Amino acid sequence: MRQERRATLAREARGFDRLVGAWLLLSLGLLLAGLFLPAITVRALIFSRELSLFESVIGFLDSGEYFLFAVTFPFTILFPLAKILTGIALWYLVETRGYFSYRVLAWLAGLSKWSMLDVFVIALMVLLADGRLLTSADIHAGVVVFAVAVLLSTFAIRRLNLAVARGRRKLIIPHP
């Protein structure tokens, strides 16, 4: 008996869209690098300290700034990571002919709309650190890599949406 291969988006993609999986994997690597590379140098009169985005977010928790931690942790770490990992799972693992993939993709599209908020949160963190500590703050490669990861993942998710929409037009989807 011959076993059929599952119809995933990665298997059915044609042309330019065949790169979506690679873009998602690249954006995951860039996101992780962007979170842990030096991102901000904070200077005061007598000291200078280099921080990664991850260290900056955890620093809010360590210093008792629970509200700032509650705002920055989801938008800087959880949302981008969840968006990319969900996109990778949809691309490589989930069968495209099922109703489940369309529901997950709708959730992912909604989550993807929050992507640029990540970059805004970083800018806010720099301004807070700059004003609160009476210091100067310099931006480093971590912020740039993080921003590229967010933009690339947003583009890849958009292409993923288009690929599913094209596949959906070809199929008649039974209602659950």
Foldseek 3Di string as FASTA:
>chain_A
DDDDDFAAQCVVDDDPLVCLLVLLVLLLVLLVCLQAPFWKWWDDPPDIDTDGNVRLLVVCVVVVVVVLNVVLCCLQPVLLNVLSVLLNCRRPPDHLQAPVSVVSLVVSLVSLVSLVVNLVSVVVSLVCSCVVRVTHMDTDPSSVSNVVSSVSSSVSSVSVVVSSVVVPVVDDYDDD
